[in-house]
C-alpha atoms as a PDB file:
ATOM      1  CA  MET A   1      15.627   7.764  -9.915  1.00  0.00           C
ATOM      2  CA  SER A   2      13.622   9.891 -12.317  1.00  0.00           C
ATOM      3  CA  SER A   3       9.992   8.752 -12.459  1.00  0.00           C
ATOM      4  CA  LEU A   4      10.273   8.879 -16.253  1.00  0.00           C
ATOM      5  CA  TYR A   5      12.725   5.964 -16.257  1.00  0.00           C
ATOM      6  CA  LYS A   6      10.577   3.674 -14.131  1.00  0.00           C
ATOM      7  CA  ARG A   7       8.577   0.699 -15.373  1.00  0.00           C
ATOM      8  CA  HIS A   8       5.291   1.527 -17.121  1.00  0.00           C
ATOM      9  CA  GLY A   9       6.527   4.948 -18.258  1.00  0.00           C
ATOM     10  CA  LEU A  10       5.659   5.901 -21.855  1.00  0.00           C
ATOM     11  CA  VAL A  11       8.388   6.517 -24.429  1.00  0.00           C
ATOM     12  CA  TRP A  12       8.097   8.042 -27.902  1.00  0.00           C
ATOM     13  CA  LEU A  13      11.010   7.341 -30.226  1.00  0.00           C
ATOM     14  CA  ASN A  14      12.551   9.556 -32.871  1.00  0.00           C
ATOM     15  CA  ALA A  15      13.457   8.295 -36.350  1.00  0.00           C
ATOM     16  CA  ASP A  16      16.853   7.032 -35.199  1.00  0.00           C
ATOM     17  CA  GLY A  17      15.240   5.258 -32.266  1.00  0.00           C
ATOM     18  CA  TRP A  18      12.783   3.406 -34.493  1.00  0.00           C
ATOM     19  CA  ARG A  19      15.586   2.493 -36.883  1.00  0.00           C
ATOM     20  CA  GLU A  20      17.563   1.035 -33.994  1.00  0.00           C
ATOM     21  CA  ALA A  21      14.508  -0.742 -32.570  1.00  0.00           C
ATOM     22  CA  LEU A  22      13.821  -2.379 -35.937  1.00  0.00           C
ATOM     23  CA  GLY A  23      17.460  -3.344 -36.309  1.00  0.00           C
ATOM     24  CA  ARG A  24      17.434  -5.137 -32.955  1.00  0.00           C
ATOM     25  CA  ALA A  25      13.931  -6.655 -33.185  1.00  0.00           C
ATOM     26  CA  ALA A  26      13.337 -10.283 -34.080  1.00  0.00           C
ATOM     27  CA  GLU A  27      12.176 -10.628 -37.692  1.00  0.00           C
ATOM     28  CA  PRO A  28       8.657 -11.891 -36.806  1.00  0.00           C
ATOM     29  CA  HIS A  29       8.123  -8.735 -34.719  1.00  0.00           C
ATOM     30  CA  CYS A  30       9.149  -6.169 -37.343  1.00  0.00           C
ATOM     31  CA  VAL A  31       5.648  -5.747 -38.791  1.00  0.00           C
ATOM     32  CA  ALA A  32       4.307  -4.795 -35.354  1.00  0.00           C
ATOM     33  CA  VAL A  33       7.222  -2.426 -34.716  1.00  0.00           C
ATOM     34  CA  ARG A  34       6.681  -0.679 -38.067  1.00  0.00           C
ATOM     35  CA  ARG A  35       2.987  -0.260 -37.277  1.00  0.00           C
ATOM     36  CA  TRP A  36       3.868   1.385 -33.955  1.00  0.00           C
ATOM     37  CA  GLN A  37       6.258   3.702 -35.758  1.00  0.00           C
ATOM     38  CA  GLN A  38       3.717   4.622 -38.455  1.00  0.00           C
ATOM     39  CA  ASN A  39       1.136   5.530 -35.810  1.00  0.00           C
ATOM     40  CA  ASP A  40       3.666   7.252 -33.530  1.00  0.00           C
ATOM     41  CA  TRP A  41       2.447   5.231 -30.570  1.00  0.00           C
ATOM     42  CA  PRO A  42       4.646   5.098 -27.463  1.00  0.00           C
ATOM     43  CA  ALA A  43       6.462   2.041 -26.215  1.00  0.00           C
ATOM     44  CA  VAL A  44       6.398   1.190 -22.504  1.00  0.00           C
ATOM     45  CA  ILE A  45       9.400   0.980 -20.196  1.00  0.00           C
ATOM     46  CA  ARG A  46      10.000  -2.584 -18.971  1.00  0.00           C
ATOM     47  CA  ARG A  47      12.521  -4.219 -16.661  1.00  0.00           C
ATOM     48  CA  ASN A  48      16.080  -4.076 -17.987  1.00  0.00           C
ATOM     49  CA  ASP A  49      17.473  -7.130 -19.713  1.00  0.00           C
ATOM     50  CA  ALA A  50      20.435  -8.712 -17.948  1.00  0.00           C
ATOM     51  CA  ASP A  51      22.741  -7.580 -20.760  1.00  0.00           C
ATOM     52  CA  CYS A  52      21.287  -4.072 -21.076  1.00  0.00           C
ATOM     53  CA  ALA A  53      24.179  -1.718 -21.822  1.00  0.00           C
ATOM     54  CA  ALA A  54      24.697   1.599 -20.072  1.00  0.00           C
ATOM     55  CA  GLY A  55      22.904   4.281 -22.048  1.00  0.00           C
ATOM     56  CA  ASP A  56      20.227   1.866 -23.345  1.00  0.00           C
ATOM     57  CA  ILE A  57      16.604   1.639 -22.292  1.00  0.00           C
ATOM     58  CA  CYS A  58      14.480  -1.521 -22.453  1.00  0.00           C
ATOM     59  CA  LEU A  59      10.987  -1.042 -23.843  1.00  0.00           C
ATOM     60  CA  GLY A  60       8.063  -3.134 -24.961  1.00  0.00           C
ATOM     61  CA  ILE A  61       4.969  -2.981 -27.112  1.00  0.00           C
ATOM     62  CA  ALA A  62       1.972  -5.261 -26.637  1.00  0.00           C
ATOM     63  CA  LEU A  63      -0.517  -6.069 -29.375  1.00  0.00           C
ATOM     64  CA  PRO A  64      -4.243  -6.494 -28.684  1.00  0.00           C
ATOM     65  CA  PRO A  65      -5.250 -10.028 -27.702  1.00  0.00           C
ATOM     66  CA  ASP A  66      -6.045 -12.409 -30.544  1.00  0.00           C
ATOM     67  CA  ARG A  67      -9.180 -14.536 -30.713  1.00  0.00           C
ATOM     68  CA  ASP A  68      -7.646 -16.912 -28.156  1.00  0.00           C
ATOM     69  CA  GLY A  69      -6.840 -14.082 -25.775  1.00  0.00           C
ATOM     70  CA  VAL A  70      -3.091 -14.230 -26.438  1.00  0.00           C
ATOM     71  CA  LYS A  71      -1.374 -10.834 -26.388  1.00  0.00           C
ATOM     72  CA  LEU A  72       1.911 -10.697 -28.314  1.00  0.00           C
ATOM     73  CA  ARG A  73       4.553  -8.763 -26.384  1.00  0.00           C
ATOM     74  CA  VAL A  74       7.484  -7.380 -28.353  1.00  0.00           C
ATOM     75  CA  PRO A  75      10.676  -6.487 -26.442  1.00  0.00           C
ATOM     76  CA  LEU A  76      12.684  -3.527 -27.720  1.00  0.00           C
ATOM     77  CA  CYS A  77      15.962  -1.960 -26.672  1.00  0.00           C
ATOM     78  CA  VAL A  78      17.304   1.398 -27.883  1.00  0.00           C
ATOM     79  CA  GLY A  79      19.859   3.978 -26.876  1.00  0.00           C
ATOM     80  CA  LEU A  80      18.607   7.018 -25.007  1.00  0.00           C
ATOM     81  CA  ALA A  81      19.590   9.184 -27.992  1.00  0.00           C
ATOM     82  CA  GLY A  82      16.700   7.520 -29.832  1.00  0.00           C
ATOM     83  CA  VAL A  83      14.132   8.803 -27.336  1.00  0.00           C
ATOM     84  CA  ARG A  84      12.064  11.808 -28.387  1.00  0.00           C
ATOM     85  CA  GLU A  85       9.763  12.121 -25.379  1.00  0.00           C
ATOM     86  CA  MET A  86       9.020  10.427 -22.068  1.00  0.00           C
ATOM     87  CA  ARG A  87       6.110  10.749 -19.683  1.00  0.00           C
ATOM     88  CA  PRO A  88       4.560   8.850 -16.775  1.00  0.00           C
ATOM     89  CA  PRO A  89       1.658   6.424 -17.301  1.00  0.00           C
ATOM     90  CA  LEU A  90      -1.758   7.924 -18.094  1.00  0.00           C
ATOM     91  CA  ALA A  91      -3.942   9.520 -15.430  1.00  0.00           C
ATOM     92  CA  ILE A  92      -7.480   8.243 -14.864  1.00  0.00           C
ATOM     93  CA  PRO A  93      -9.151  11.181 -16.702  1.00  0.00           C
ATOM     94  CA  GLU A  94      -7.117  10.272 -19.792  1.00  0.00           C
ATOM     95  CA  VAL A  95      -8.493   6.732 -19.946  1.00  0.00           C
ATOM     96  CA  VAL A  96     -11.981   6.901 -18.501  1.00  0.00           C
ATOM     97  CA  MET A  97     -13.838   7.416 -21.818  1.00  0.00           C
ATOM     98  CA  HIS A  98     -12.093   4.328 -23.205  1.00  0.00           C
ATOM     99  CA  ALA A  99     -13.175   2.150 -20.285  1.00  0.00           C
ATOM    100  CA  ALA A 100     -16.162  -0.171 -20.340  1.00  0.00           C
ATOM    101  CA  LEU A 101     -19.310   1.860 -19.737  1.00  0.00           C
ATOM    102  CA  PRO A 102     -20.150   0.206 -16.372  1.00  0.00           C
ATOM    103  CA  TRP A 103     -16.701   1.240 -15.046  1.00  0.00           C
ATOM    104  CA  ARG A 104     -16.761   4.922 -15.922  1.00  0.00           C
ATOM    105  CA  THR A 105     -18.674   6.454 -13.018  1.00  0.00           C
ATOM    106  CA  ALA A 106     -16.739   4.500 -10.389  1.00  0.00           C
ATOM    107  CA  LEU A 107     -13.429   5.361 -12.110  1.00  0.00           C
ATOM    108  CA  CYS A 108     -14.283   9.060 -11.999  1.00  0.00           C
ATOM    109  CA  ASP A 109     -15.238   8.714  -8.339  1.00  0.00           C
ATOM    110  CA  LEU A 110     -11.951   6.936  -7.608  1.00  0.00           C
ATOM    111  CA  HIS A 111      -9.997   9.728  -9.289  1.00  0.00           C
ATOM    112  CA  ASP A 112     -11.879  12.408  -7.354  1.00  0.00           C
ATOM    113  CA  ALA A 113     -11.434  10.593  -4.049  1.00  0.00           C
ATOM    114  CA  ALA A 114      -7.703  10.142  -4.660  1.00  0.00           C
ATOM    115  CA  ALA A 115      -7.236  13.759  -5.753  1.00  0.00           C
ATOM    116  CA  ALA A 116      -9.059  14.996  -2.658  1.00  0.00           C
ATOM    117  CA  GLN A 117      -6.490  13.159  -0.530  1.00  0.00           C
ATOM    118  CA  GLY A 118      -3.494  14.233  -2.621  1.00  0.00           C
ATOM    119  CA  LEU A 119      -2.833  10.674  -3.827  1.00  0.00           C
ATOM    120  CA  SER A 120      -1.206   9.883  -7.171  1.00  0.00           C
ATOM    121  CA  LEU A 121      -2.918   7.192  -9.269  1.00  0.00           C
ATOM    122  CA  ARG A 122      -1.951   6.244 -12.825  1.00  0.00           C
ATOM    123  CA  VAL A 123      -3.245   3.574 -15.199  1.00  0.00           C
ATOM    124  CA  TYR A 124      -1.245   1.115 -17.290  1.00  0.00           C
ATOM    125  CA  GLY A 125      -1.976  -2.179 -19.025  1.00  0.00           C
ATOM    126  CA  SER A 126      -4.921  -2.964 -21.299  1.00  0.00           C
ATOM    127  CA  LEU A 127      -7.051   0.075 -20.495  1.00  0.00           C
ATOM    128  CA  ALA A 128      -4.130   2.450 -21.028  1.00  0.00           C
ATOM    129  CA  LEU A 129      -3.152   0.768 -24.293  1.00  0.00           C
ATOM    130  CA  GLN A 130      -6.718   0.984 -25.562  1.00  0.00           C
ATOM    131  CA  ALA A 131      -6.787   4.695 -24.740  1.00  0.00           C
ATOM    132  CA  ILE A 132      -3.416   5.288 -26.446  1.00  0.00           C
ATOM    133  CA  THR A 133      -3.950   3.269 -29.620  1.00  0.00           C
ATOM    134  CA  GLY A 134      -7.714   3.011 -30.040  1.00  0.00           C
ATOM    135  CA  GLN A 135      -7.306  -0.737 -30.547  1.00  0.00           C
ATOM    136  CA  PRO A 136      -9.496  -3.307 -28.717  1.00  0.00           C
ATOM    137  CA  TYR A 137      -7.446  -4.506 -25.748  1.00  0.00           C
ATOM    138  CA  LEU A 138     -10.200  -4.875 -23.156  1.00  0.00           C
ATOM    139  CA  ARG A 139     -12.066  -8.140 -22.725  1.00  0.00           C
ATOM    140  CA  LEU A 140     -14.813  -9.198 -20.336  1.00  0.00           C
ATOM    141  CA  ALA A 141     -12.232 -10.551 -17.887  1.00  0.00           C
ATOM    142  CA  SER A 142      -9.868  -7.544 -18.120  1.00  0.00           C
ATOM    143  CA  ASP A 143      -8.535  -5.817 -15.024  1.00  0.00           C
ATOM    144  CA  ILE A 144      -7.859  -2.121 -14.510  1.00  0.00           C
ATOM    145  CA  ASP A 145      -4.155  -1.862 -13.697  1.00  0.00           C
ATOM    146  CA  VAL A 146      -3.586   1.050 -11.325  1.00  0.00           C
ATOM    147  CA  LEU A 147      -0.182   2.401 -10.353  1.00  0.00           C
ATOM    148  CA  PHE A 148      -0.185   4.070  -6.932  1.00  0.00           C
ATOM    149  CA  CYS A 149       2.860   6.148  -5.979  1.00  0.00           C
ATOM    150  CA  PRO A 150       2.762   7.252  -2.319  1.00  0.00           C
ATOM    151  CA  ASP A 151       5.154   9.860  -0.916  1.00  0.00           C
ATOM    152  CA  ASN A 152       5.028   8.634   2.685  1.00  0.00           C
ATOM    153  CA  ALA A 153       3.601   5.923   4.941  1.00  0.00           C
ATOM    154  CA  ASP A 154       0.434   7.893   5.661  1.00  0.00           C
ATOM    155  CA  GLN A 155      -0.338   8.188   1.956  1.00  0.00           C
ATOM    156  CA  LEU A 156       0.424   4.498   1.540  1.00  0.00           C
ATOM    157  CA  SER A 157      -2.052   3.560   4.264  1.00  0.00           C
ATOM    158  CA  ARG A 158      -4.782   5.847   2.913  1.00  0.00           C
ATOM    159  CA  GLY A 159      -4.204   4.667  -0.634  1.00  0.00           C
ATOM    160  CA  MET A 160      -4.505   1.025   0.336  1.00  0.00           C
ATOM    161  CA  ARG A 161      -7.826   1.716   2.053  1.00  0.00           C
ATOM    162  CA  LEU A 162      -9.077   3.602  -0.996  1.00  0.00           C
ATOM    163  CA  LEU A 163      -8.099   0.917  -3.493  1.00  0.00           C
ATOM    164  CA  THR A 164      -9.511  -1.839  -1.300  1.00  0.00           C
ATOM    165  CA  SER A 165     -12.795   0.040  -1.075  1.00  0.00           C
ATOM    166  CA  TYR A 166     -13.088   0.615  -4.817  1.00  0.00           C
ATOM    167  CA  ALA A 167     -12.089  -2.967  -5.634  1.00  0.00           C
ATOM    168  CA  ALA A 168     -15.640  -3.838  -4.612  1.00  0.00           C
ATOM    169  CA  LYS A 169     -16.892  -1.704  -7.533  1.00  0.00           C
ATOM    170  CA  LEU A 170     -14.149  -2.121 -10.132  1.00  0.00           C
ATOM    171  CA  PRO A 171     -11.864  -4.978 -11.272  1.00  0.00           C
ATOM    172  CA  LEU A 172      -8.813  -3.205  -9.866  1.00  0.00           C
ATOM    173  CA  ASP A 173      -5.350  -4.690 -10.022  1.00  0.00           C
ATOM    174  CA  GLY A 174      -1.900  -3.126 -10.270  1.00  0.00           C
ATOM    175  CA  GLU A 175       0.989  -2.028  -8.134  1.00  0.00           C
ATOM    176  CA  VAL A 176       2.121   0.308  -5.401  1.00  0.00           C
ATOM    177  CA  GLU A 177       5.423   1.875  -6.435  1.00  0.00           C
ATOM    178  CA  PHE A 178       7.976   3.051  -3.879  1.00  0.00           C
ATOM    179  CA  PRO A 179      10.267   6.045  -4.487  1.00  0.00           C
ATOM    180  CA  ASP A 180      13.238   3.884  -5.532  1.00  0.00           C
ATOM    181  CA  GLY A 181      11.127   2.238  -8.241  1.00  0.00           C
ATOM    182  CA  ALA A 182      10.421  -1.044  -6.427  1.00  0.00           C
ATOM    183  CA  ALA A 183       6.826  -2.006  -7.219  1.00  0.00           C
ATOM    184  CA  VAL A 184       4.650  -4.473  -5.336  1.00  0.00           C
ATOM    185  CA  SER A 185       1.199  -5.792  -6.148  1.00  0.00           C
ATOM    186  CA  TRP A 186      -1.023  -3.558  -4.033  1.00  0.00           C
ATOM    187  CA  LYS A 187      -3.214  -6.555  -3.173  1.00  0.00           C
ATOM    188  CA  GLU A 188      -0.163  -8.478  -1.974  1.00  0.00           C
ATOM    189  CA  TRP A 189       0.882  -5.451   0.072  1.00  0.00           C
ATOM    190  CA  VAL A 190      -2.523  -5.283   1.765  1.00  0.00           C
ATOM    191  CA  GLN A 191      -2.343  -8.973   2.610  1.00  0.00           C
ATOM    192  CA  ALA A 192       1.208  -8.750   3.956  1.00  0.00           C
ATOM    193  CA  SER A 193       0.647  -5.610   6.001  1.00  0.00           C
ATOM    194  CA  ASP A 194      -2.648  -6.850   7.480  1.00  0.00           C
ATOM    195  CA  SER A 195      -0.924  -9.719   9.269  1.00  0.00           C
ATOM    196  CA  VAL A 196      -1.457  -9.500  13.032  1.00  0.00           C
ATOM    197  CA  ALA A 197       2.124 -10.371  13.939  1.00  0.00           C
ATOM    198  CA  GLY A 198       5.552  -9.766  12.509  1.00  0.00           C
ATOM    199  CA  VAL A 199       4.390  -7.381   9.820  1.00  0.00           C
ATOM    200  CA  ASP A 200       7.828  -5.835   9.294  1.00  0.00           C
ATOM    201  CA  ASN A 201       9.369  -9.232   8.587  1.00  0.00           C
ATOM    202  CA  ASN A 202       6.760 -10.266   6.037  1.00  0.00           C
ATOM    203  CA  ARG A 203       8.194 -10.342   2.529  1.00  0.00           C
ATOM    204  CA  VAL A 204       6.596  -9.185  -0.688  1.00  0.00           C
ATOM    205  CA  LEU A 205       7.615  -9.701  -4.298  1.00  0.00           C
ATOM    206  CA  ALA A 206       9.056  -6.428  -5.590  1.00  0.00           C
ATOM    207  CA  LYS A 207       9.692  -5.691  -9.255  1.00  0.00           C
ATOM    208  CA  ARG A 208      12.566  -3.277  -9.854  1.00  0.00           C
ATOM    209  CA  SER A 209      14.144  -1.797 -12.966  1.00  0.00           C
ATOM    210  CA  SER A 210      16.802  -4.496 -13.102  1.00  0.00           C
ATOM    211  CA  ASP A 211      15.468  -7.462 -11.118  1.00  0.00           C
ATOM    212  CA  VAL A 212      12.736  -9.053  -9.011  1.00  0.00           C
ATOM    213  CA  ALA A 213      13.313  -9.649  -5.303  1.00  0.00           C
ATOM    214  CA  LEU A 214      11.548 -10.662  -2.101  1.00  0.00           C
ATOM    215  CA  LEU A 215      11.828  -7.625   0.190  1.00  0.00           C
ATOM    216  CA  ARG A 216      10.821  -7.073   3.806  1.00  0.00           C
ATOM    217  CA  VAL A 217       7.777  -4.902   4.414  1.00  0.00           C
ATOM    218  CA  GLY A 218       9.717  -3.094   7.135  1.00  0.00           C
ATOM    219  CA  ASP A 219      12.578  -2.223   4.780  1.00  0.00           C
ATOM    220  CA  LEU A 220      10.220  -0.786   2.164  1.00  0.00           C
ATOM    221  CA  LEU A 221       8.431   1.268   4.814  1.00  0.00           C
ATOM    222  CA  ALA A 222      11.734   2.544   6.190  1.00  0.00           C
ATOM    223  CA  ALA A 223      12.882   3.593   2.719  1.00  0.00           C
ATOM    224  CA  LEU A 224       9.550   5.325   2.122  1.00  0.00           C
ATOM    225  CA  GLU A 225       9.863   7.304   5.347  1.00  0.00           C
ATOM    226  CA  ALA A 226      13.491   8.175   4.620  1.00  0.00           C
ATOM    227  CA  ASN A 227      12.430   9.546   1.251  1.00  0.00           C
ATOM    228  CA  ALA A 228       9.755  11.648   2.935  1.00  0.00           C
ATOM    229  CA  CYS A 229      12.162  13.202   5.427  1.00  0.00           C
ATOM    230  CA  PRO A 230      13.554  16.635   4.570  1.00  0.00           C
ATOM    231  CA  THR A 231      17.258  16.683   3.726  1.00  0.00           C
END
């Protein structure tokens, strides 16, 4: 699966794509969709709807939280012909100047530490949306959603140690994403894989492009290693 089609990827629409998105959007959401179009902000890839047709892509936009902390999420669905550009979620250097001031030094250190080990970290969620749109998404209780994409079991192990270490300095949350697109809360993965017995049979909640499933730790590790093996 192309990394560009995985959850959290960023998608810019062309004029036809916005026209289709507006045509399919619920009426109360059209004002928000038009604002996204006027600013040429990207939508974010989400899990496919059950009735998603072949050749369509399911997207979403999320507005900043209101005074009660409620964040309106607008689901969109367009044909791939309406897509102008796709790219993975933002890298840490692209968001750091939009982060809360107390986070910035530790975020830079996290990026440097990950880069030194050849680990891939991306950022999605409120911090990424604030960096993309310039709107106020972050609140005092906000997390930093990190997407970690390891290539093999060794990277996975080192990445989990790194994120666990920096969680003492930053409000880190987010997911570890496996090569097939299955994504697991990295905190849940740490808890499941730290068990002293029966680690392979422990199950974790995995979000995939089309569904959510409880998967065995051992199966995810086996798939990761198979992906790392030369063909």
